[in-house]
C-alpha atoms as a PDB file:
ATOM      1  CA  MET A   1      84.477 155.087 101.114  1.00  0.00           C
ATOM      2  CA  GLU A   2      81.076 153.446 100.744  1.00  0.00           C
ATOM      3  CA  LYS A   3      78.420 154.518 103.225  1.00  0.00           C
ATOM      4  CA  VAL A   4      76.299 151.907 104.983  1.00  0.00           C
ATOM      5  CA  LEU A   5      73.368 152.577 107.288  1.00  0.00           C
ATOM      6  CA  ALA A   6      72.517 149.715 109.658  1.00  0.00           C
ATOM      7  CA  ILE A   7      69.311 149.398 111.665  1.00  0.00           C
ATOM      8  CA  ILE A   8      69.842 146.831 114.385  1.00  0.00           C
ATOM      9  CA  GLY A   9      68.395 145.580 117.644  1.00  0.00           C
ATOM     10  CA  PRO A  10      66.347 142.720 119.073  1.00  0.00           C
ATOM     11  CA  THR A  11      63.149 141.378 117.589  1.00  0.00           C
ATOM     12  CA  ALA A  12      59.850 143.263 117.939  1.00  0.00           C
ATOM     13  CA  VAL A  13      61.190 146.826 118.338  1.00  0.00           C
ATOM     14  CA  GLY A  14      60.138 148.260 114.962  1.00  0.00           C
ATOM     15  CA  LYS A  15      63.214 147.821 112.757  1.00  0.00           C
ATOM     16  CA  THR A  16      61.211 146.932 109.652  1.00  0.00           C
ATOM     17  CA  SER A  17      58.856 149.912 109.737  1.00  0.00           C
ATOM     18  CA  LEU A  18      61.713 152.317 110.440  1.00  0.00           C
ATOM     19  CA  SER A  19      63.763 150.864 107.585  1.00  0.00           C
ATOM     20  CA  LEU A  20      60.931 151.491 105.121  1.00  0.00           C
ATOM     21  CA  GLU A  21      60.550 155.099 106.235  1.00  0.00           C
ATOM     22  CA  LEU A  22      64.290 155.753 106.053  1.00  0.00           C
ATOM     23  CA  ALA A  23      64.643 154.044 102.685  1.00  0.00           C
ATOM     24  CA  ASN A  24      61.929 156.328 101.324  1.00  0.00           C
ATOM     25  CA  ARG A  25      63.495 159.397 102.899  1.00  0.00           C
ATOM     26  CA  PHE A  26      67.091 158.720 101.856  1.00  0.00           C
ATOM     27  CA  ASP A  27      66.596 156.840  98.572  1.00  0.00           C
ATOM     28  CA  GLY A  28      67.790 153.574 100.049  1.00  0.00           C
ATOM     29  CA  GLU A  29      67.712 149.892  99.263  1.00  0.00           C
ATOM     30  CA  ILE A  30      67.452 147.343 102.054  1.00  0.00           C
ATOM     31  CA  ILE A  31      69.778 144.401 102.688  1.00  0.00           C
ATOM     32  CA  SER A  32      68.510 141.815 105.138  1.00  0.00           C
ATOM     33  CA  GLY A  33      70.968 141.176 107.960  1.00  0.00           C
ATOM     34  CA  ASP A  34      68.993 138.235 109.309  1.00  0.00           C
ATOM     35  CA  SER A  35      70.449 134.729 109.133  1.00  0.00           C
ATOM     36  CA  MET A  36      67.026 133.058 108.678  1.00  0.00           C
ATOM     37  CA  GLN A  37      65.317 135.344 106.179  1.00  0.00           C
ATOM     38  CA  VAL A  38      67.544 133.985 103.421  1.00  0.00           C
ATOM     39  CA  TYR A  39      65.438 130.785 103.402  1.00  0.00           C
ATOM     40  CA  ARG A  40      62.507 130.412 101.039  1.00  0.00           C
ATOM     41  CA  HIS A  41      59.063 129.480 102.415  1.00  0.00           C
ATOM     42  CA  LEU A  42      59.997 130.431 105.984  1.00  0.00           C
ATOM     43  CA  ASP A  43      58.038 133.657 106.138  1.00  0.00           C
ATOM     44  CA  ILE A  44      56.061 133.693 109.380  1.00  0.00           C
ATOM     45  CA  GLY A  45      58.666 132.454 111.848  1.00  0.00           C
ATOM     46  CA  THR A  46      61.355 134.763 110.472  1.00  0.00           C
ATOM     47  CA  ALA A  47      59.074 137.862 110.504  1.00  0.00           C
ATOM     48  CA  LYS A  48      60.024 138.298 106.848  1.00  0.00           C
ATOM     49  CA  ILE A  49      58.715 141.343 105.044  1.00  0.00           C
ATOM     50  CA  LEU A  50      56.567 140.142 102.157  1.00  0.00           C
ATOM     51  CA  PRO A  51      56.694 141.680  98.653  1.00  0.00           C
ATOM     52  CA  ALA A  52      53.312 143.357  99.154  1.00  0.00           C
ATOM     53  CA  GLU A  53      54.668 145.091 102.261  1.00  0.00           C
ATOM     54  CA  GLN A  54      57.893 146.395 100.737  1.00  0.00           C
ATOM     55  CA  MET A  55      56.350 149.627  99.407  1.00  0.00           C
ATOM     56  CA  GLY A  56      58.269 149.301  96.163  1.00  0.00           C
ATOM     57  CA  ILE A  57      61.622 149.447  97.953  1.00  0.00           C
ATOM     58  CA  LYS A  58      64.186 146.939  96.759  1.00  0.00           C
ATOM     59  CA  HIS A  59      65.101 144.271  99.306  1.00  0.00           C
ATOM     60  CA  HIS A  60      68.127 141.998  99.026  1.00  0.00           C
ATOM     61  CA  LEU A  61      69.309 138.693 100.591  1.00  0.00           C
ATOM     62  CA  ILE A  62      65.763 137.466 101.178  1.00  0.00           C
ATOM     63  CA  ASP A  63      64.588 134.103  99.770  1.00  0.00           C
ATOM     64  CA  ILE A  64      67.962 133.178  98.258  1.00  0.00           C
ATOM     65  CA  ARG A  65      68.415 129.694  99.771  1.00  0.00           C
ATOM     66  CA  ASP A  66      66.401 126.500 100.127  1.00  0.00           C
ATOM     67  CA  SER A  67      66.052 125.082 103.632  1.00  0.00           C
ATOM     68  CA  ASP A  68      68.650 122.364 102.954  1.00  0.00           C
ATOM     69  CA  GLN A  69      71.300 124.829 101.772  1.00  0.00           C
ATOM     70  CA  ARG A  70      73.897 126.299 104.100  1.00  0.00           C
ATOM     71  CA  PHE A  71      74.274 130.068 104.443  1.00  0.00           C
ATOM     72  CA  SER A  72      77.297 130.975 106.533  1.00  0.00           C
ATOM     73  CA  VAL A  73      78.609 134.240 107.863  1.00  0.00           C
ATOM     74  CA  SER A  74      81.216 134.087 105.083  1.00  0.00           C
ATOM     75  CA  ASP A  75      78.428 133.809 102.508  1.00  0.00           C
ATOM     76  CA  PHE A  76      76.662 136.782 104.051  1.00  0.00           C
ATOM     77  CA  LYS A  77      79.800 138.912 104.145  1.00  0.00           C
ATOM     78  CA  GLN A  78      80.519 138.301 100.472  1.00  0.00           C
ATOM     79  CA  ALA A  79      76.927 138.704  99.273  1.00  0.00           C
ATOM     80  CA  ALA A  80      76.275 141.833 101.344  1.00  0.00           C
ATOM     81  CA  ALA A  81      79.514 143.464 100.185  1.00  0.00           C
ATOM     82  CA  GLU A  82      78.499 142.869  96.557  1.00  0.00           C
ATOM     83  CA  GLN A  83      75.080 144.393  97.168  1.00  0.00           C
ATOM     84  CA  ILE A  84      76.559 147.425  98.908  1.00  0.00           C
ATOM     85  CA  THR A  85      78.801 148.114  95.921  1.00  0.00           C
ATOM     86  CA  GLN A  86      75.944 147.711  93.435  1.00  0.00           C
ATOM     87  CA  ILE A  87      73.526 149.870  95.442  1.00  0.00           C
ATOM     88  CA  THR A  88      76.139 152.588  95.925  1.00  0.00           C
ATOM     89  CA  ALA A  89      76.943 152.582  92.203  1.00  0.00           C
ATOM     90  CA  LYS A  90      73.293 153.440  91.515  1.00  0.00           C
ATOM     91  CA  GLY A  91      73.524 156.432  93.810  1.00  0.00           C
ATOM     92  CA  HIS A  92      71.345 154.788  96.450  1.00  0.00           C
ATOM     93  CA  LEU A  93      71.980 154.261 100.162  1.00  0.00           C
ATOM     94  CA  PRO A  94      72.572 150.663 101.359  1.00  0.00           C
ATOM     95  CA  ILE A  95      70.522 150.008 104.513  1.00  0.00           C
ATOM     96  CA  ILE A  96      71.217 146.793 106.404  1.00  0.00           C
ATOM     97  CA  VAL A  97      68.357 145.683 108.646  1.00  0.00           C
ATOM     98  CA  GLY A  98      68.544 142.781 111.065  1.00  0.00           C
ATOM     99  CA  GLY A  99      69.473 141.331 114.388  1.00  0.00           C
ATOM    100  CA  THR A 100      72.178 138.764 113.608  1.00  0.00           C
ATOM    101  CA  GLY A 101      75.051 140.503 115.360  1.00  0.00           C
ATOM    102  CA  PHE A 102      77.905 138.307 114.179  1.00  0.00           C
ATOM    103  CA  TYR A 103      76.894 138.823 110.531  1.00  0.00           C
ATOM    104  CA  LEU A 104      76.906 142.592 110.948  1.00  0.00           C
ATOM    105  CA  GLN A 105      80.202 142.594 112.819  1.00  0.00           C
ATOM    106  CA  ALA A 106      81.875 140.378 110.219  1.00  0.00           C
ATOM    107  CA  LEU A 107      80.841 142.741 107.439  1.00  0.00           C
ATOM    108  CA  LEU A 108      81.271 146.170 108.999  1.00  0.00           C
ATOM    109  CA  GLN A 109      84.437 145.414 110.980  1.00  0.00           C
ATOM    110  CA  ASP A 110      85.865 143.246 108.212  1.00  0.00           C
ATOM    111  CA  LEU A 111      86.238 140.245 110.473  1.00  0.00           C
ATOM    112  CA  SER A 112      88.854 137.890 109.060  1.00  0.00           C
ATOM    113  CA  LEU A 113      86.914 134.663 109.284  1.00  0.00           C
ATOM    114  CA  GLY A 114      89.956 132.472 108.863  1.00  0.00           C
ATOM    115  CA  SER A 115      89.091 128.812 109.162  1.00  0.00           C
ATOM    116  CA  ASP A 116      85.353 129.577 109.048  1.00  0.00           C
ATOM    117  CA  THR A 117      85.722 129.857 105.282  1.00  0.00           C
ATOM    118  CA  TYR A 118      86.447 126.148 105.029  1.00  0.00           C
ATOM    119  CA  GLU A 119      83.707 124.104 103.420  1.00  0.00           C
ATOM    120  CA  PRO A 120      81.526 122.342 105.997  1.00  0.00           C
ATOM    121  CA  ASP A 121      82.059 118.664 106.732  1.00  0.00           C
ATOM    122  CA  GLU A 122      78.601 117.184 107.257  1.00  0.00           C
ATOM    123  CA  ARG A 123      80.017 113.952 108.705  1.00  0.00           C
ATOM    124  CA  ILE A 124      81.801 115.790 111.513  1.00  0.00           C
ATOM    125  CA  ARG A 125      78.909 118.182 112.005  1.00  0.00           C
ATOM    126  CA  ASN A 126      76.318 115.390 112.262  1.00  0.00           C
ATOM    127  CA  LYS A 127      78.526 113.517 114.718  1.00  0.00           C
ATOM    128  CA  TRP A 128      78.575 116.466 117.130  1.00  0.00           C
ATOM    129  CA  HIS A 129      74.863 117.202 116.765  1.00  0.00           C
ATOM    130  CA  ALA A 130      74.218 113.543 117.576  1.00  0.00           C
ATOM    131  CA  PHE A 131      76.478 113.882 120.613  1.00  0.00           C
ATOM    132  CA  ALA A 132      74.412 116.832 121.844  1.00  0.00           C
ATOM    133  CA  GLN A 133      71.199 114.893 121.330  1.00  0.00           C
ATOM    134  CA  ALA A 134      72.531 111.830 123.157  1.00  0.00           C
ATOM    135  CA  HIS A 135      73.970 113.861 126.039  1.00  0.00           C
ATOM    136  CA  SER A 136      73.145 117.579 126.253  1.00  0.00           C
ATOM    137  CA  GLN A 137      74.122 120.952 124.851  1.00  0.00           C
ATOM    138  CA  ALA A 138      76.030 121.600 128.075  1.00  0.00           C
ATOM    139  CA  ASP A 139      78.087 118.430 127.551  1.00  0.00           C
ATOM    140  CA  LEU A 140      78.740 119.474 123.955  1.00  0.00           C
ATOM    141  CA  TRP A 141      79.914 122.891 125.139  1.00  0.00           C
ATOM    142  CA  ARG A 142      82.244 121.235 127.663  1.00  0.00           C
ATOM    143  CA  GLN A 143      83.886 119.343 124.801  1.00  0.00           C
ATOM    144  CA  LEU A 144      84.651 122.680 123.146  1.00  0.00           C
ATOM    145  CA  ASN A 145      85.798 124.204 126.429  1.00  0.00           C
ATOM    146  CA  GLN A 146      88.445 121.477 126.786  1.00  0.00           C
ATOM    147  CA  ILE A 147      89.761 122.134 123.276  1.00  0.00           C
ATOM    148  CA  ASP A 148      89.297 125.880 122.841  1.00  0.00           C
ATOM    149  CA  PRO A 149      88.316 127.690 126.072  1.00  0.00           C
ATOM    150  CA  LYS A 150      88.583 131.112 124.419  1.00  0.00           C
ATOM    151  CA  ALA A 151      85.953 130.157 121.860  1.00  0.00           C
ATOM    152  CA  ALA A 152      83.793 128.477 124.510  1.00  0.00           C
ATOM    153  CA  GLU A 153      83.832 131.651 126.598  1.00  0.00           C
ATOM    154  CA  LYS A 154      82.243 133.585 123.735  1.00  0.00           C
ATOM    155  CA  ILE A 155      79.689 130.966 122.635  1.00  0.00           C
ATOM    156  CA  PRO A 156      76.770 130.125 124.958  1.00  0.00           C
ATOM    157  CA  PRO A 157      75.992 126.398 125.400  1.00  0.00           C
ATOM    158  CA  SER A 158      72.544 127.008 123.891  1.00  0.00           C
ATOM    159  CA  ASN A 159      74.077 128.050 120.549  1.00  0.00           C
ATOM    160  CA  GLU A 160      74.553 124.470 119.407  1.00  0.00           C
ATOM    161  CA  VAL A 161      75.189 125.431 115.778  1.00  0.00           C
ATOM    162  CA  ARG A 162      78.120 127.665 116.687  1.00  0.00           C
ATOM    163  CA  VAL A 163      79.567 125.203 119.202  1.00  0.00           C
ATOM    164  CA  VAL A 164      79.444 122.444 116.587  1.00  0.00           C
ATOM    165  CA  ARG A 165      81.073 124.734 114.021  1.00  0.00           C
ATOM    166  CA  ALA A 166      83.939 125.498 116.409  1.00  0.00           C
ATOM    167  CA  LEU A 167      84.480 121.793 117.079  1.00  0.00           C
ATOM    168  CA  GLU A 168      84.252 121.021 113.378  1.00  0.00           C
ATOM    169  CA  VAL A 169      86.851 123.641 112.446  1.00  0.00           C
ATOM    170  CA  PHE A 170      89.325 122.249 114.972  1.00  0.00           C
ATOM    171  CA  GLU A 171      88.725 118.625 113.967  1.00  0.00           C
ATOM    172  CA  LYS A 172      89.010 119.365 110.255  1.00  0.00           C
ATOM    173  CA  THR A 173      91.845 121.880 110.213  1.00  0.00           C
ATOM    174  CA  GLY A 174      93.661 121.565 113.530  1.00  0.00           C
ATOM    175  CA  ARG A 175      93.210 125.319 114.008  1.00  0.00           C
ATOM    176  CA  LEU A 176      91.419 126.843 116.962  1.00  0.00           C
ATOM    177  CA  PHE A 177      88.173 128.616 116.199  1.00  0.00           C
ATOM    178  CA  SER A 178      89.273 131.435 118.511  1.00  0.00           C
ATOM    179  CA  ASP A 179      92.173 132.213 116.165  1.00  0.00           C
ATOM    180  CA  GLN A 180      89.809 134.469 114.198  1.00  0.00           C
ATOM    181  CA  GLN A 181      91.082 138.028 114.163  1.00  0.00           C
ATOM    182  CA  VAL A 182      89.288 141.320 113.728  1.00  0.00           C
ATOM    183  CA  VAL A 183      90.936 143.547 111.137  1.00  0.00           C
ATOM    184  CA  THR A 184      89.608 147.077 111.418  1.00  0.00           C
ATOM    185  CA  ASN A 185      90.435 148.578 108.059  1.00  0.00           C
ATOM    186  CA  ASP A 186      87.441 150.937 107.901  1.00  0.00           C
ATOM    187  CA  SER A 187      85.966 149.285 104.820  1.00  0.00           C
ATOM    188  CA  TYR A 188      82.779 151.305 105.224  1.00  0.00           C
ATOM    189  CA  ASP A 189      81.613 154.618 106.559  1.00  0.00           C
ATOM    190  CA  ALA A 190      78.927 152.990 108.689  1.00  0.00           C
ATOM    191  CA  LEU A 191      76.261 154.513 110.917  1.00  0.00           C
ATOM    192  CA  LEU A 192      74.532 152.106 113.304  1.00  0.00           C
ATOM    193  CA  ILE A 193      71.049 152.953 114.553  1.00  0.00           C
ATOM    194  CA  GLY A 194      69.928 150.629 117.347  1.00  0.00           C
ATOM    195  CA  LEU A 195      66.344 150.194 118.506  1.00  0.00           C
ATOM    196  CA  ASN A 196      65.463 148.941 121.974  1.00  0.00           C
ATOM    197  CA  THR A 197      62.914 149.544 124.708  1.00  0.00           C
ATOM    198  CA  ASP A 198      62.210 148.743 128.358  1.00  0.00           C
ATOM    199  CA  ARG A 199      62.912 145.053 128.980  1.00  0.00           C
ATOM    200  CA  GLY A 200      59.474 144.253 130.390  1.00  0.00           C
ATOM    201  CA  LEU A 201      57.788 145.992 127.489  1.00  0.00           C
ATOM    202  CA  LEU A 202      60.110 144.278 125.004  1.00  0.00           C
ATOM    203  CA  TYR A 203      59.316 140.854 126.423  1.00  0.00           C
ATOM    204  CA  ASN A 204      55.583 141.555 126.256  1.00  0.00           C
ATOM    205  CA  ARG A 205      55.932 142.577 122.617  1.00  0.00           C
ATOM    206  CA  ILE A 206      57.897 139.406 121.874  1.00  0.00           C
ATOM    207  CA  ASN A 207      55.204 137.279 123.513  1.00  0.00           C
ATOM    208  CA  GLN A 208      52.529 139.042 121.492  1.00  0.00           C
ATOM    209  CA  ARG A 209      54.496 138.569 118.279  1.00  0.00           C
ATOM    210  CA  VAL A 210      54.770 134.829 118.926  1.00  0.00           C
ATOM    211  CA  GLU A 211      51.006 134.644 119.472  1.00  0.00           C
ATOM    212  CA  SER A 212      50.467 136.488 116.195  1.00  0.00           C
ATOM    213  CA  MET A 213      52.828 134.122 114.371  1.00  0.00           C
ATOM    214  CA  VAL A 214      50.962 131.097 115.690  1.00  0.00           C
ATOM    215  CA  ALA A 215      47.653 132.627 114.606  1.00  0.00           C
ATOM    216  CA  ALA A 216      49.125 133.320 111.150  1.00  0.00           C
ATOM    217  CA  GLY A 217      50.066 129.663 110.588  1.00  0.00           C
ATOM    218  CA  LEU A 218      53.522 129.156 112.097  1.00  0.00           C
ATOM    219  CA  GLU A 219      52.699 125.523 112.896  1.00  0.00           C
ATOM    220  CA  THR A 220      52.203 124.758 109.197  1.00  0.00           C
ATOM    221  CA  GLU A 221      55.591 126.236 108.286  1.00  0.00           C
ATOM    222  CA  ALA A 222      57.275 124.287 111.063  1.00  0.00           C
ATOM    223  CA  LYS A 223      55.582 121.033 110.071  1.00  0.00           C
ATOM    224  CA  GLN A 224      56.786 121.362 106.500  1.00  0.00           C
ATOM    225  CA  LEU A 225      60.321 121.947 107.764  1.00  0.00           C
ATOM    226  CA  PHE A 226      59.987 118.962 110.108  1.00  0.00           C
ATOM    227  CA  LYS A 227      58.930 116.696 107.233  1.00  0.00           C
ATOM    228  CA  GLN A 228      61.918 117.834 105.180  1.00  0.00           C
ATOM    229  CA  GLY A 229      64.402 116.911 107.913  1.00  0.00           C
ATOM    230  CA  GLY A 230      63.968 119.205 110.911  1.00  0.00           C
ATOM    231  CA  THR A 231      67.205 119.841 112.788  1.00  0.00           C
ATOM    232  CA  ASN A 232      69.176 118.019 110.099  1.00  0.00           C
ATOM    233  CA  LEU A 233      68.557 121.006 107.816  1.00  0.00           C
ATOM    234  CA  PRO A 234      70.616 124.207 108.001  1.00  0.00           C
ATOM    235  CA  ALA A 235      67.336 126.122 108.338  1.00  0.00           C
ATOM    236  CA  GLY A 236      65.799 123.641 110.748  1.00  0.00           C
ATOM    237  CA  LYS A 237      67.348 124.860 113.982  1.00  0.00           C
ATOM    238  CA  GLY A 238      65.821 128.337 113.996  1.00  0.00           C
ATOM    239  CA  ILE A 239      63.786 129.654 116.915  1.00  0.00           C
ATOM    240  CA  GLY A 240      60.094 129.325 116.169  1.00  0.00           C
ATOM    241  CA  TYR A 241      60.615 126.101 114.251  1.00  0.00           C
ATOM    242  CA  ARG A 242      62.677 123.668 116.295  1.00  0.00           C
ATOM    243  CA  GLU A 243      60.349 123.959 119.300  1.00  0.00           C
ATOM    244  CA  TRP A 244      57.544 122.314 117.307  1.00  0.00           C
ATOM    245  CA  TYR A 245      59.365 119.077 116.521  1.00  0.00           C
ATOM    246  CA  PRO A 246      58.651 117.341 119.882  1.00  0.00           C
ATOM    247  CA  TYR A 247      54.976 118.305 119.417  1.00  0.00           C
ATOM    248  CA  PHE A 248      54.878 116.618 116.017  1.00  0.00           C
ATOM    249  CA  GLU A 249      56.305 113.531 117.738  1.00  0.00           C
ATOM    250  CA  ASN A 250      53.512 113.704 120.369  1.00  0.00           C
ATOM    251  CA  ARG A 251      55.963 114.403 123.190  1.00  0.00           C
ATOM    252  CA  VAL A 252      54.741 117.842 124.320  1.00  0.00           C
ATOM    253  CA  SER A 253      51.554 119.899 124.133  1.00  0.00           C
ATOM    254  CA  LYS A 254      50.919 122.826 121.809  1.00  0.00           C
ATOM    255  CA  ASP A 255      50.789 125.198 124.779  1.00  0.00           C
ATOM    256  CA  GLU A 256      54.235 123.999 125.856  1.00  0.00           C
ATOM    257  CA  VAL A 257      55.550 124.663 122.343  1.00  0.00           C
ATOM    258  CA  ILE A 258      54.244 128.216 122.321  1.00  0.00           C
ATOM    259  CA  GLU A 259      55.666 128.971 125.765  1.00  0.00           C
ATOM    260  CA  LYS A 260      59.032 127.533 124.726  1.00  0.00           C
ATOM    261  CA  ILE A 261      59.125 129.723 121.614  1.00  0.00           C
ATOM    262  CA  LYS A 262      58.380 132.776 123.740  1.00  0.00           C
ATOM    263  CA  GLN A 263      61.091 131.850 126.225  1.00  0.00           C
ATOM    264  CA  ASN A 264      63.709 131.151 123.560  1.00  0.00           C
ATOM    265  CA  SER A 265      62.803 134.365 121.741  1.00  0.00           C
ATOM    266  CA  ARG A 266      63.207 136.420 124.913  1.00  0.00           C
ATOM    267  CA  HIS A 267      66.558 134.791 125.654  1.00  0.00           C
ATOM    268  CA  TYR A 268      67.705 135.449 122.102  1.00  0.00           C
ATOM    269  CA  ALA A 269      66.720 139.110 122.358  1.00  0.00           C
ATOM    270  CA  LYS A 270      68.830 139.412 125.494  1.00  0.00           C
ATOM    271  CA  ARG A 271      71.818 137.835 123.717  1.00  0.00           C
ATOM    272  CA  GLN A 272      71.323 140.157 120.732  1.00  0.00           C
ATOM    273  CA  LEU A 273      71.468 143.231 122.929  1.00  0.00           C
ATOM    274  CA  THR A 274      74.531 141.975 124.790  1.00  0.00           C
ATOM    275  CA  TRP A 275      76.324 141.346 121.492  1.00  0.00           C
ATOM    276  CA  PHE A 276      75.576 144.769 120.022  1.00  0.00           C
ATOM    277  CA  ARG A 277      76.540 146.580 123.207  1.00  0.00           C
ATOM    278  CA  ASN A 278      79.826 144.722 123.594  1.00  0.00           C
ATOM    279  CA  LYS A 279      80.938 144.453 119.976  1.00  0.00           C
ATOM    280  CA  MET A 280      79.721 147.519 118.113  1.00  0.00           C
ATOM    281  CA  GLN A 281      79.360 151.292 118.392  1.00  0.00           C
ATOM    282  CA  VAL A 282      75.599 151.850 118.278  1.00  0.00           C
ATOM    283  CA  ASN A 283      73.391 154.938 118.580  1.00  0.00           C
ATOM    284  CA  TRP A 284      70.424 153.711 120.636  1.00  0.00           C
ATOM    285  CA  PHE A 285      66.822 154.928 120.427  1.00  0.00           C
ATOM    286  CA  ASP A 286      63.478 153.822 121.887  1.00  0.00           C
ATOM    287  CA  LEU A 287      60.722 154.361 119.323  1.00  0.00           C
ATOM    288  CA  VAL A 288      58.270 152.200 121.249  1.00  0.00           C
ATOM    289  CA  GLN A 289      58.033 154.555 124.210  1.00  0.00           C
ATOM    290  CA  HIS A 290      59.382 157.669 122.483  1.00  0.00           C
ATOM    291  CA  PRO A 291      58.285 157.744 118.816  1.00  0.00           C
ATOM    292  CA  GLU A 292      59.339 161.386 118.665  1.00  0.00           C
ATOM    293  CA  GLU A 293      62.973 160.178 118.701  1.00  0.00           C
ATOM    294  CA  LYS A 294      62.512 159.334 115.036  1.00  0.00           C
ATOM    295  CA  ASP A 295      63.231 163.010 114.285  1.00  0.00           C
ATOM    296  CA  GLN A 296      66.582 162.654 116.061  1.00  0.00           C
ATOM    297  CA  ILE A 297      67.394 159.609 113.952  1.00  0.00           C
ATOM    298  CA  VAL A 298      66.617 161.467 110.729  1.00  0.00           C
ATOM    299  CA  GLU A 299      68.761 164.442 111.773  1.00  0.00           C
ATOM    300  CA  LYS A 300      71.674 162.167 112.707  1.00  0.00           C
ATOM    301  CA  ILE A 301      71.495 160.429 109.319  1.00  0.00           C
ATOM    302  CA  LYS A 302      71.276 163.729 107.455  1.00  0.00           C
ATOM    303  CA  LYS A 303      74.401 164.998 109.198  1.00  0.00           C
ATOM    304  CA  TRP A 304      76.265 161.737 108.556  1.00  0.00           C
ATOM    305  CA  ASN A 305      75.082 161.690 104.936  1.00  0.00           C
ATOM    306  CA  GLY A 306      76.223 165.269 104.308  1.00  0.00           C
ATOM    307  CA  GLU A 307      72.772 166.773 103.811  1.00  0.00           C
END
């Protein structure tokens, strides 16, 4: 059975630096488990590790799509599985790093994605996004709740992309999005290392990271995405990008944009933690306040890896 090490958790807790150390220690290669890092030219807002920062360690599933190309959970599951097999065949350890919980769950728990494997229908999708724009995300969510309350219960109204996908699947196939089933066939011998810290400290770190991104040129990245189509692009709805669009239309101030990015990032971190705690078996550590716990992580991996 193929071994997979996963380093998960919310943004700004040190996943990237830990992954580099562990990849060096255990002869690993890193697979990005982030739904936005697949897009080329979106480096700052996705906190993407750049080639010069990779310390010679191979990274996979980064910069493999243009901003107008869709990358679904089904795409991730297939691509990551192929990388795991190839990395294992070389005698290296596959290390998945990221915070997109549904991607990780789909891969490691072999989630049968059912109707989510259907090709997207842009006409239906655009219709529902237009509905949300004309009314609200809450109204859009209520449409789903009438059709598929089980799916609506698991998808927050703010996750417009997922709500639209659920509506699209039903409209196109007649099947409920909630009909997805988890098949636990133990495809991998997986060890999940989760990083987290005190909520107040985490939120401060997120705010600081947003400030750093803005200073590094996040506005320029967002403007380029806006010119290419903004929310009409698969990559255009990401946090750190979509908040700028009203600013480019002279509807809000730059300070309001920055505060909105911070708020959305904090909310997303909270959702990430809720997902991982409810859906997956994770070994949690706090390297922000207790860096000495890194020794515990190494020992746990050594035991799991048979060293």
